[in-house]
Each structure stands twice: as C-alpha cells, then as structure tokens.
Amino acid sequence: MIHSMQVLQQVDNKFIACLMSTKTEENGKAGGNLLVLVDQHAAHERIRLEQLLTESYEKQQPQGSGRKKLLSSTIIPPLEITVTEEQRRLLRCYHKRLEDLGLEFIFPDTSDSLILVGKVPLCFVEREANELRRGRSTVTKSIVEEFLREQVELLQTTGSIQGTLPLTVQKVLASQACHGAIKFNDGLSLEESRRLIEALSCCQLPFQCAHGRPSMLPLADMDHLEQEKQKKPNLAKLRKMAQAWRLFGKAEGCNPRQNLQQSVTPCEPP
C-alpha cells in the first residue's frame, strides 16, 4: 500500500499529505482513496535509522560464522570499568562472542573487580563526538557500562549472547537518527516530499519512527465521504406527509395540534 502513495503537498511545514490505495480499480490500476498525513520528522528518522543499522555492521562477515559483526573502534587509553567477580567471570568466559558486538576486553591480573575495554561499537564513539561537539560532557563510559550490564543480565538468564541488535546499541542509533532528521518547520518542496516518501516506502518498518511513534496517520476514506454526503430533503414528499396529517385531523374531528397539547397536559394534583 505504501508504494502506491501519491504525494499531494506539505502541510504546515510539519506533515506531508498523501493519497494511499487500499483497493484496486476495475481497470487494474490502484486508485488513491485513503487520505494520509505523514509526519516528516518521524518518516526521516525511520529512514535514517535503517541506514545507520545497515552501516553499523561489517560488510564482510567472518567466513562460515553466519554471524553479523558490529563495526568497532579502538579506545586509547582503554576504559576502566568496575565489575563484580561474577560479572568479570562471565565476560571473560564469553569475551570471544562479545567481539561480535564490537567489544574487546583486557583482564588485568592485579584486580578481580576491574576490566579494561579497548574496543567499543563504532556508534558509541560517534555519539561521543556528537555530544562533545554540542559542548556536553563525555558519555562513552556510561553507555559502555549500560551495555555491559545488559549483556551480563542476558548471559545470566539465557546463557548466550543475543542474536538481535542489543537494546543499548538501538538506543544510541535512534538518538543519532533523531538528531540528523528533518525537523518540524523545515520547508520541503514537492520533489523533496516525493523523495522522502519513496525512501520511506523502502523501509522495513515504515509506519513508526526510531522511537516507536507512528510516522503516519490515516484521516479519511475519500470513497466513504462521497457515499456519506447528506441527501437533500424531498420537499414534495414532506408536503404530502403534512397534507395527510391535516386530513387525518379533520377526519378525527379535531385539530391535531390541540389533540397533541391535550395529550401532554399534566394531571391535576389530587
């Protein structure tokens, strides 16, 4: 359905009005009958998120592994992370598998409550650069600590490394997608609007933004609006009904209006 969307125009520098087809016409062509408003920020955020997801993995996977590997970046000097003995044991036991998630550890013999993180997912470093560019404080260590807690909890409950994209990485990519996306009050030409909708139609999850909010809202089925147009009153029929009512009153030997008033006269109190 989303591939059939026809762009009408931008609305209030916030939305893109489109027509979407929910049925096929008799001639075999799709006819736009559903009026839809697309949130331009949410739509671009979704497009950027899926691009960032694709770019976050190594292009060539290790031969025969069948596993995707996140791109990583070396940190100099390595991050010092305090952990419990149990957490350290789990991370040491599964450190090879955790390399697929862009993590690389050093386990100093001098302490049972310390690990050194020499590599982290590339998107963490990019997030750090964005934060520093905005004059904010460093975030890499707190993100890595959250990432390690997530993986340790997963190992404790399932005994394995998650095959899907970790939640911490998803959150970082969603933040990147949001900051670089088209904003409300950004004017778009008709051609830019069309390109945005075309890119959205190629997404795996086009109906929600990077944070799960809806990217579009159906407003009305134009076909139903046509059918529900109020018909004009049949004046000739109304005249005949009024005439019949008057004739009925004469036949009963009373005025219908008086008869009606009498029927609703309240009873006198006893």
C-alpha atoms as a PDB file:
ATOM      1  CA  MET A   1       0.000   0.000   0.000  1.00  0.00           C
ATOM      2  CA  ILE A   2       2.738   2.460   0.888  1.00  0.00           C
ATOM      3  CA  HIS A   3       4.330   2.061  -2.565  1.00  0.00           C
ATOM      4  CA  SER A   4       1.105   3.422  -4.070  1.00  0.00           C
ATOM      5  CA  MET A   5       1.204   6.679  -2.100  1.00  0.00           C
ATOM      6  CA  GLN A   6       0.707   9.838  -4.135  1.00  0.00           C
ATOM      7  CA  VAL A   7       2.175  12.983  -2.601  1.00  0.00           C
ATOM      8  CA  LEU A   8      -0.225  15.926  -2.594  1.00  0.00           C
ATOM      9  CA  GLN A   9       1.713  18.634  -0.735  1.00  0.00           C
ATOM     10  CA  GLN A  10       3.386  19.618   2.525  1.00  0.00           C
ATOM     11  CA  VAL A  11       1.011  20.781   5.265  1.00  0.00           C
ATOM     12  CA  ASP A  12       2.009  23.420   7.857  1.00  0.00           C
ATOM     13  CA  ASN A  13       5.732  22.592   7.344  1.00  0.00           C
ATOM     14  CA  LYS A  14       5.171  19.510   9.521  1.00  0.00           C
ATOM     15  CA  PHE A  15       3.294  16.873   7.545  1.00  0.00           C
ATOM     16  CA  ILE A  16       3.056  15.521   4.006  1.00  0.00           C
ATOM     17  CA  ALA A  17      -0.462  14.904   2.738  1.00  0.00           C
ATOM     18  CA  CYS A  18      -0.723  11.781   0.575  1.00  0.00           C
ATOM     19  CA  LEU A  19      -3.291   9.526  -1.021  1.00  0.00           C
ATOM     20  CA  MET A  20      -2.856   5.794  -0.453  1.00  0.00           C
ATOM     21  CA  SER A  21      -4.638   2.982  -2.275  1.00  0.00           C
ATOM     22  CA  THR A  22      -6.452   0.330  -0.248  1.00  0.00           C
ATOM     23  CA  LYS A  23      -8.068  -1.323  -3.260  1.00  0.00           C
ATOM     24  CA  THR A  24      -7.611  -1.924  -6.979  1.00  0.00           C
ATOM     25  CA  GLU A  25      -9.818  -0.270  -9.566  1.00  0.00           C
ATOM     26  CA  GLU A  26     -11.669  -2.247 -12.251  1.00  0.00           C
ATOM     27  CA  ASN A  27      -9.034  -1.319 -14.829  1.00  0.00           C
ATOM     28  CA  GLY A  28      -6.373  -2.957 -12.645  1.00  0.00           C
ATOM     29  CA  LYS A  29      -4.809   0.332 -11.564  1.00  0.00           C
ATOM     30  CA  ALA A  30      -4.504   1.432  -7.948  1.00  0.00           C
ATOM     31  CA  GLY A  31      -6.699   4.375  -7.077  1.00  0.00           C
ATOM     32  CA  GLY A  32      -5.758   6.652  -4.182  1.00  0.00           C
ATOM     33  CA  ASN A  33      -8.715   6.606  -1.839  1.00  0.00           C
ATOM     34  CA  LEU A  34      -7.196   6.914   1.666  1.00  0.00           C
ATOM     35  CA  LEU A  35      -6.071  10.389   2.772  1.00  0.00           C
ATOM     36  CA  VAL A  36      -2.948  10.067   4.942  1.00  0.00           C
ATOM     37  CA  LEU A  37      -0.782  12.565   6.828  1.00  0.00           C
ATOM     38  CA  VAL A  38       2.896  11.610   7.116  1.00  0.00           C
ATOM     39  CA  ASP A  39       4.954  13.112   9.959  1.00  0.00           C
ATOM     40  CA  GLN A  40       8.022  14.400   8.097  1.00  0.00           C
ATOM     41  CA  HIS A  41      10.334  14.173  11.145  1.00  0.00           C
ATOM     42  CA  ALA A  42       9.236  10.652  12.115  1.00  0.00           C
ATOM     43  CA  ALA A  43       9.487   9.477   8.490  1.00  0.00           C
ATOM     44  CA  HIS A  44      13.031  10.803   8.011  1.00  0.00           C
ATOM     45  CA  GLU A  45      14.031   9.462  11.426  1.00  0.00           C
ATOM     46  CA  ARG A  46      12.935   5.950  10.368  1.00  0.00           C
ATOM     47  CA  ILE A  47      14.822   6.240   7.063  1.00  0.00           C
ATOM     48  CA  ARG A  48      17.997   7.367   8.849  1.00  0.00           C
ATOM     49  CA  LEU A  49      17.715   4.636  11.499  1.00  0.00           C
ATOM     50  CA  GLU A  50      17.585   1.853   8.926  1.00  0.00           C
ATOM     51  CA  GLN A  51      20.517   3.392   7.051  1.00  0.00           C
ATOM     52  CA  LEU A  52      22.516   3.601  10.285  1.00  0.00           C
ATOM     53  CA  LEU A  53      21.647  -0.014  11.133  1.00  0.00           C
ATOM     54  CA  THR A  54      22.997  -1.181   7.783  1.00  0.00           C
ATOM     55  CA  GLU A  55      26.152   0.905   8.163  1.00  0.00           C
ATOM     56  CA  SER A  56      26.800  -0.364  11.721  1.00  0.00           C
ATOM     57  CA  TYR A  57      27.792  -3.877  10.618  1.00  0.00           C
ATOM     58  CA  GLU A  58      30.914  -5.071   8.851  1.00  0.00           C
ATOM     59  CA  LYS A  59      30.263  -5.633   5.144  1.00  0.00           C
ATOM     60  CA  GLN A  60      32.124  -8.956   5.038  1.00  0.00           C
ATOM     61  CA  GLN A  61      31.237 -11.437   7.756  1.00  0.00           C
ATOM     62  CA  PRO A  62      33.787 -13.963   9.069  1.00  0.00           C
ATOM     63  CA  GLN A  63      33.793 -16.935   6.700  1.00  0.00           C
ATOM     64  CA  GLY A  64      31.498 -19.721   7.844  1.00  0.00           C
ATOM     65  CA  SER A  65      30.414 -17.892  11.007  1.00  0.00           C
ATOM     66  CA  GLY A  66      26.964 -16.883   9.760  1.00  0.00           C
ATOM     67  CA  ARG A  67      27.017 -14.053  12.316  1.00  0.00           C
ATOM     68  CA  LYS A  68      26.871 -10.325  11.798  1.00  0.00           C
ATOM     69  CA  LYS A  69      29.633  -8.323  13.449  1.00  0.00           C
ATOM     70  CA  LEU A  70      29.225  -4.734  14.620  1.00  0.00           C
ATOM     71  CA  LEU A  71      31.862  -2.263  13.496  1.00  0.00           C
ATOM     72  CA  SER A  72      34.134  -1.312  16.394  1.00  0.00           C
ATOM     73  CA  SER A  73      36.524   1.482  17.285  1.00  0.00           C
ATOM     74  CA  THR A  74      39.659   1.350  19.445  1.00  0.00           C
ATOM     75  CA  ILE A  75      39.719   3.495  22.585  1.00  0.00           C
ATOM     76  CA  ILE A  76      43.048   4.873  23.795  1.00  0.00           C
ATOM     77  CA  PRO A  77      43.572   4.640  26.692  1.00  0.00           C
ATOM     78  CA  PRO A  78      41.164   1.745  27.390  1.00  0.00           C
ATOM     79  CA  LEU A  79      38.130   2.425  29.586  1.00  0.00           C
ATOM     80  CA  GLU A  80      38.416   1.208  33.164  1.00  0.00           C
ATOM     81  CA  ILE A  81      35.149  -0.426  34.223  1.00  0.00           C
ATOM     82  CA  THR A  82      34.482  -1.717  37.744  1.00  0.00           C
ATOM     83  CA  VAL A  83      32.617  -5.045  37.852  1.00  0.00           C
ATOM     84  CA  THR A  84      31.795  -7.796  40.340  1.00  0.00           C
ATOM     85  CA  GLU A  85      33.738 -11.064  40.350  1.00  0.00           C
ATOM     86  CA  GLU A  86      30.732 -12.865  38.813  1.00  0.00           C
ATOM     87  CA  GLN A  87      30.399 -10.268  36.041  1.00  0.00           C
ATOM     88  CA  ARG A  88      34.137 -10.485  35.334  1.00  0.00           C
ATOM     89  CA  ARG A  89      33.954 -14.268  35.124  1.00  0.00           C
ATOM     90  CA  LEU A  90      31.052 -14.174  32.640  1.00  0.00           C
ATOM     91  CA  LEU A  91      32.670 -11.511  30.473  1.00  0.00           C
ATOM     92  CA  ARG A  92      35.942 -13.448  30.413  1.00  0.00           C
ATOM     93  CA  CYS A  93      34.163 -16.689  29.546  1.00  0.00           C
ATOM     94  CA  TYR A  94      32.228 -15.142  26.627  1.00  0.00           C
ATOM     95  CA  HIS A  95      34.680 -12.446  25.518  1.00  0.00           C
ATOM     96  CA  LYS A  96      35.157 -14.009  22.059  1.00  0.00           C
ATOM     97  CA  ARG A  97      31.431 -13.954  21.360  1.00  0.00           C
ATOM     98  CA  LEU A  98      31.213 -10.393  22.658  1.00  0.00           C
ATOM     99  CA  GLU A  99      33.677  -9.336  19.971  1.00  0.00           C
ATOM    100  CA  ASP A 100      30.780  -9.723  17.518  1.00  0.00           C
ATOM    101  CA  LEU A 101      29.124  -6.864  19.412  1.00  0.00           C
ATOM    102  CA  GLY A 102      32.157  -4.624  18.935  1.00  0.00           C
ATOM    103  CA  LEU A 103      33.629  -5.201  22.418  1.00  0.00           C
ATOM    104  CA  GLU A 104      37.210  -6.124  23.266  1.00  0.00           C
ATOM    105  CA  PHE A 105      38.421  -6.633  26.830  1.00  0.00           C
ATOM    106  CA  ILE A 106      41.646  -6.783  28.778  1.00  0.00           C
ATOM    107  CA  PHE A 107      41.509  -8.568  32.151  1.00  0.00           C
ATOM    108  CA  PRO A 108      44.278  -7.260  34.457  1.00  0.00           C
ATOM    109  CA  ASP A 109      45.669  -9.796  36.905  1.00  0.00           C
ATOM    110  CA  THR A 110      46.091  -7.064  39.503  1.00  0.00           C
ATOM    111  CA  SER A 111      42.365  -6.764  40.278  1.00  0.00           C
ATOM    112  CA  ASP A 112      39.323  -9.073  40.300  1.00  0.00           C
ATOM    113  CA  SER A 113      36.932  -6.127  40.119  1.00  0.00           C
ATOM    114  CA  LEU A 114      38.353  -4.326  37.104  1.00  0.00           C
ATOM    115  CA  ILE A 115      38.284  -4.811  33.342  1.00  0.00           C
ATOM    116  CA  LEU A 116      39.702  -2.658  30.569  1.00  0.00           C
ATOM    117  CA  VAL A 117      37.580  -2.070  27.465  1.00  0.00           C
ATOM    118  CA  GLY A 118      39.838  -1.499  24.459  1.00  0.00           C
ATOM    119  CA  LYS A 119      37.181  -1.549  21.715  1.00  0.00           C
ATOM    120  CA  VAL A 120      33.544  -0.460  21.643  1.00  0.00           C
ATOM    121  CA  PRO A 121      30.891  -0.294  18.887  1.00  0.00           C
ATOM    122  CA  LEU A 122      31.681   2.493  16.422  1.00  0.00           C
ATOM    123  CA  CYS A 123      28.309   4.152  17.002  1.00  0.00           C
ATOM    124  CA  PHE A 124      29.286   4.786  20.667  1.00  0.00           C
ATOM    125  CA  VAL A 125      32.315   6.805  19.545  1.00  0.00           C
ATOM    126  CA  GLU A 126      30.214   8.721  17.016  1.00  0.00           C
ATOM    127  CA  ARG A 127      27.682   9.532  19.738  1.00  0.00           C
ATOM    128  CA  GLU A 128      30.529  10.773  21.951  1.00  0.00           C
ATOM    129  CA  ALA A 129      31.802  13.049  19.167  1.00  0.00           C
ATOM    130  CA  ASN A 130      28.298  14.491  18.655  1.00  0.00           C
ATOM    131  CA  GLU A 131      27.898  15.200  22.372  1.00  0.00           C
ATOM    132  CA  LEU A 132      31.298  16.911  22.652  1.00  0.00           C
ATOM    133  CA  ARG A 133      30.533  18.975  19.539  1.00  0.00           C
ATOM    134  CA  ARG A 134      27.435  20.290  21.330  1.00  0.00           C
ATOM    135  CA  GLY A 135      29.526  21.213  24.365  1.00  0.00           C
ATOM    136  CA  ARG A 136      28.195  18.381  26.519  1.00  0.00           C
ATOM    137  CA  SER A 137      30.084  16.006  28.816  1.00  0.00           C
ATOM    138  CA  THR A 138      31.520  12.647  27.798  1.00  0.00           C
ATOM    139  CA  VAL A 139      29.030   9.739  27.544  1.00  0.00           C
ATOM    140  CA  THR A 140      31.057   6.755  26.301  1.00  0.00           C
ATOM    141  CA  LYS A 141      31.808   5.241  29.721  1.00  0.00           C
ATOM    142  CA  SER A 142      28.192   5.393  30.927  1.00  0.00           C
ATOM    143  CA  ILE A 143      26.949   3.859  27.645  1.00  0.00           C
ATOM    144  CA  VAL A 144      29.543   1.055  27.835  1.00  0.00           C
ATOM    145  CA  GLU A 145      28.602   0.333  31.465  1.00  0.00           C
ATOM    146  CA  GLU A 146      24.925   0.100  30.445  1.00  0.00           C
ATOM    147  CA  PHE A 147      25.875  -2.155  27.518  1.00  0.00           C
ATOM    148  CA  LEU A 148      27.863  -4.495  29.775  1.00  0.00           C
ATOM    149  CA  ARG A 149      25.030  -4.697  32.330  1.00  0.00           C
ATOM    150  CA  GLU A 150      22.630  -5.606  29.519  1.00  0.00           C
ATOM    151  CA  GLN A 151      24.888  -8.386  28.226  1.00  0.00           C
ATOM    152  CA  VAL A 152      25.694  -9.767  31.691  1.00  0.00           C
ATOM    153  CA  GLU A 153      21.984  -9.954  32.567  1.00  0.00           C
ATOM    154  CA  LEU A 154      21.367 -11.746  29.284  1.00  0.00           C
ATOM    155  CA  LEU A 155      24.147 -14.241  29.989  1.00  0.00           C
ATOM    156  CA  GLN A 156      22.824 -14.850  33.489  1.00  0.00           C
ATOM    157  CA  THR A 157      19.259 -15.515  32.302  1.00  0.00           C
ATOM    158  CA  THR A 158      19.802 -17.282  28.952  1.00  0.00           C
ATOM    159  CA  GLY A 159      23.431 -18.392  28.961  1.00  0.00           C
ATOM    160  CA  SER A 160      24.032 -16.965  25.493  1.00  0.00           C
ATOM    161  CA  ILE A 161      24.654 -13.764  23.559  1.00  0.00           C
ATOM    162  CA  GLN A 162      21.638 -12.145  21.944  1.00  0.00           C
ATOM    163  CA  GLY A 163      21.412 -12.701  18.191  1.00  0.00           C
ATOM    164  CA  THR A 164      19.491  -9.500  17.513  1.00  0.00           C
ATOM    165  CA  LEU A 165      20.732  -5.930  17.814  1.00  0.00           C
ATOM    166  CA  PRO A 166      21.299  -5.099  21.520  1.00  0.00           C
ATOM    167  CA  LEU A 167      18.940  -2.573  23.086  1.00  0.00           C
ATOM    168  CA  THR A 168      21.774  -0.215  24.106  1.00  0.00           C
ATOM    169  CA  VAL A 169      23.011  -0.031  20.510  1.00  0.00           C
ATOM    170  CA  GLN A 170      19.460   0.524  19.261  1.00  0.00           C
ATOM    171  CA  LYS A 171      19.028   3.472  21.636  1.00  0.00           C
ATOM    172  CA  VAL A 172      22.289   5.089  20.508  1.00  0.00           C
ATOM    173  CA  LEU A 173      21.393   4.686  16.826  1.00  0.00           C
ATOM    174  CA  ALA A 174      17.868   6.013  17.449  1.00  0.00           C
ATOM    175  CA  SER A 175      19.343   9.125  19.055  1.00  0.00           C
ATOM    176  CA  GLN A 176      21.659   9.654  16.076  1.00  0.00           C
ATOM    177  CA  ALA A 177      18.768   9.171  13.655  1.00  0.00           C
ATOM    178  CA  CYS A 178      16.678  11.738  15.518  1.00  0.00           C
ATOM    179  CA  HIS A 179      19.334  14.466  15.690  1.00  0.00           C
ATOM    180  CA  GLY A 180      20.098  14.337  11.979  1.00  0.00           C
ATOM    181  CA  ALA A 181      16.497  14.104  10.734  1.00  0.00           C
ATOM    182  CA  ILE A 182      14.275  16.739   9.104  1.00  0.00           C
ATOM    183  CA  LYS A 183      12.547  18.790  11.789  1.00  0.00           C
ATOM    184  CA  PHE A 184       9.122  20.396  12.103  1.00  0.00           C
ATOM    185  CA  ASN A 185       9.016  23.800  10.363  1.00  0.00           C
ATOM    186  CA  ASP A 186      11.543  22.642   7.736  1.00  0.00           C
ATOM    187  CA  GLY A 187      10.016  23.555   4.382  1.00  0.00           C
ATOM    188  CA  LEU A 188      10.052  20.820   1.715  1.00  0.00           C
ATOM    189  CA  SER A 189       9.434  21.185  -1.987  1.00  0.00           C
ATOM    190  CA  LEU A 190       7.084  18.782  -3.745  1.00  0.00           C
ATOM    191  CA  GLU A 191      10.072  16.902  -5.182  1.00  0.00           C
ATOM    192  CA  GLU A 192      11.760  16.634  -1.757  1.00  0.00           C
ATOM    193  CA  SER A 193       8.495  15.359  -0.286  1.00  0.00           C
ATOM    194  CA  ARG A 194       8.248  12.721  -3.016  1.00  0.00           C
ATOM    195  CA  ARG A 195      11.817  11.548  -2.419  1.00  0.00           C
ATOM    196  CA  LEU A 196      11.140  11.291   1.317  1.00  0.00           C
ATOM    197  CA  ILE A 197       8.016   9.151   0.787  1.00  0.00           C
ATOM    198  CA  GLU A 198       9.840   6.995  -1.775  1.00  0.00           C
ATOM    199  CA  ALA A 199      12.675   6.334   0.698  1.00  0.00           C
ATOM    200  CA  LEU A 200      10.135   5.598   3.455  1.00  0.00           C
ATOM    201  CA  SER A 201       8.417   3.028   1.247  1.00  0.00           C
ATOM    202  CA  CYS A 202      11.702   1.068   1.071  1.00  0.00           C
ATOM    203  CA  CYS A 203      11.988   0.764   4.878  1.00  0.00           C
ATOM    204  CA  GLN A 204      11.282  -2.461   6.721  1.00  0.00           C
ATOM    205  CA  LEU A 205       9.182  -0.674   9.357  1.00  0.00           C
ATOM    206  CA  PRO A 206       7.841   2.423   7.589  1.00  0.00           C
ATOM    207  CA  PHE A 207       4.908   3.006   9.941  1.00  0.00           C
ATOM    208  CA  GLN A 208       6.898   4.036  13.035  1.00  0.00           C
ATOM    209  CA  CYS A 209       9.801   6.316  13.878  1.00  0.00           C
ATOM    210  CA  ALA A 210      13.072   5.267  15.539  1.00  0.00           C
ATOM    211  CA  HIS A 211      11.408   5.507  18.975  1.00  0.00           C
ATOM    212  CA  GLY A 212       8.260   3.574  18.033  1.00  0.00           C
ATOM    213  CA  ARG A 213       5.884   6.513  17.489  1.00  0.00           C
ATOM    214  CA  PRO A 214       3.569   6.431  14.435  1.00  0.00           C
ATOM    215  CA  SER A 215       5.026   8.010  11.314  1.00  0.00           C
ATOM    216  CA  MET A 216       1.685   8.432   9.555  1.00  0.00           C
ATOM    217  CA  LEU A 217      -1.993   8.834  10.321  1.00  0.00           C
ATOM    218  CA  PRO A 218      -4.954   7.854   8.099  1.00  0.00           C
ATOM    219  CA  LEU A 219      -7.513  10.670   8.059  1.00  0.00           C
ATOM    220  CA  ALA A 220     -10.379   9.640   5.810  1.00  0.00           C
ATOM    221  CA  ASP A 221     -11.503   7.218   3.127  1.00  0.00           C
ATOM    222  CA  MET A 222     -12.461   9.512   0.269  1.00  0.00           C
ATOM    223  CA  ASP A 223     -14.834   6.926  -1.197  1.00  0.00           C
ATOM    224  CA  HIS A 224     -16.818   6.771   2.058  1.00  0.00           C
ATOM    225  CA  LEU A 225     -17.003  10.550   2.208  1.00  0.00           C
ATOM    226  CA  GLU A 226     -18.619  10.558  -1.231  1.00  0.00           C
ATOM    227  CA  GLN A 227     -21.151   7.943  -0.145  1.00  0.00           C
ATOM    228  CA  GLU A 228     -21.980   9.705   3.104  1.00  0.00           C
ATOM    229  CA  LYS A 229     -22.838  13.082   1.589  1.00  0.00           C
ATOM    230  CA  GLN A 230     -26.160  14.189   3.079  1.00  0.00           C
ATOM    231  CA  LYS A 231     -29.038  13.951   0.627  1.00  0.00           C
ATOM    232  CA  LYS A 232     -31.256  16.997   0.062  1.00  0.00           C
ATOM    233  CA  PRO A 233     -34.689  16.670   1.731  1.00  0.00           C
ATOM    234  CA  ASN A 234     -37.543  15.602  -0.572  1.00  0.00           C
ATOM    235  CA  LEU A 235     -39.802  18.663  -0.230  1.00  0.00           C
ATOM    236  CA  ALA A 236     -42.628  17.159  -2.327  1.00  0.00           C
ATOM    237  CA  LYS A 237     -42.759  14.137  -0.043  1.00  0.00           C
ATOM    238  CA  LEU A 238     -42.775  16.324   3.060  1.00  0.00           C
ATOM    239  CA  ARG A 239     -45.707  18.369   1.674  1.00  0.00           C
ATOM    240  CA  LYS A 240     -47.725  15.182   1.063  1.00  0.00           C
ATOM    241  CA  MET A 241     -47.000  13.989   4.629  1.00  0.00           C
ATOM    242  CA  ALA A 242     -48.153  17.312   6.080  1.00  0.00           C
ATOM    243  CA  GLN A 243     -51.314  17.242   3.936  1.00  0.00           C
ATOM    244  CA  ALA A 244     -52.099  13.700   5.057  1.00  0.00           C
ATOM    245  CA  TRP A 245     -51.686  14.741   8.671  1.00  0.00           C
ATOM    246  CA  ARG A 246     -54.152  17.615   8.270  1.00  0.00           C
ATOM    247  CA  LEU A 247     -56.677  15.334   6.570  1.00  0.00           C
ATOM    248  CA  PHE A 248     -56.301  12.847   9.394  1.00  0.00           C
ATOM    249  CA  GLY A 249     -57.065  15.602  11.915  1.00  0.00           C
ATOM    250  CA  LYS A 250     -60.255  16.624  10.069  1.00  0.00           C
ATOM    251  CA  ALA A 251     -61.415  13.026   9.904  1.00  0.00           C
ATOM    252  CA  GLU A 252     -60.988  12.754  13.688  1.00  0.00           C
ATOM    253  CA  GLY A 253     -62.985  15.982  14.123  1.00  0.00           C
ATOM    254  CA  CYS A 254     -60.303  17.874  15.971  1.00  0.00           C
ATOM    255  CA  ASN A 255     -57.241  19.962  15.460  1.00  0.00           C
ATOM    256  CA  PRO A 256     -54.168  17.695  15.550  1.00  0.00           C
ATOM    257  CA  ARG A 257     -52.162  20.388  17.347  1.00  0.00           C
ATOM    258  CA  GLN A 258     -54.824  20.728  20.062  1.00  0.00           C
ATOM    259  CA  ASN A 259     -55.051  16.967  20.305  1.00  0.00           C
ATOM    260  CA  LEU A 260     -51.295  16.817  20.849  1.00  0.00           C
ATOM    261  CA  GLN A 261     -51.393  19.541  23.515  1.00  0.00           C
ATOM    262  CA  GLN A 262     -54.191  17.722  25.359  1.00  0.00           C
ATOM    263  CA  SER A 263     -52.268  14.509  25.331  1.00  0.00           C
ATOM    264  CA  VAL A 264     -49.376  16.104  27.178  1.00  0.00           C
ATOM    265  CA  THR A 265     -51.428  18.234  29.662  1.00  0.00           C
ATOM    266  CA  PRO A 266     -50.166  17.388  33.147  1.00  0.00           C
ATOM    267  CA  CYS A 267     -52.598  15.774  35.583  1.00  0.00           C
ATOM    268  CA  GLU A 268     -54.106  17.955  38.279  1.00  0.00           C
ATOM    269  CA  PRO A 269     -52.922  17.184  41.777  1.00  0.00           C
ATOM    270  CA  PRO A 270     -55.388  15.192  43.924  1.00  0.00           C
END
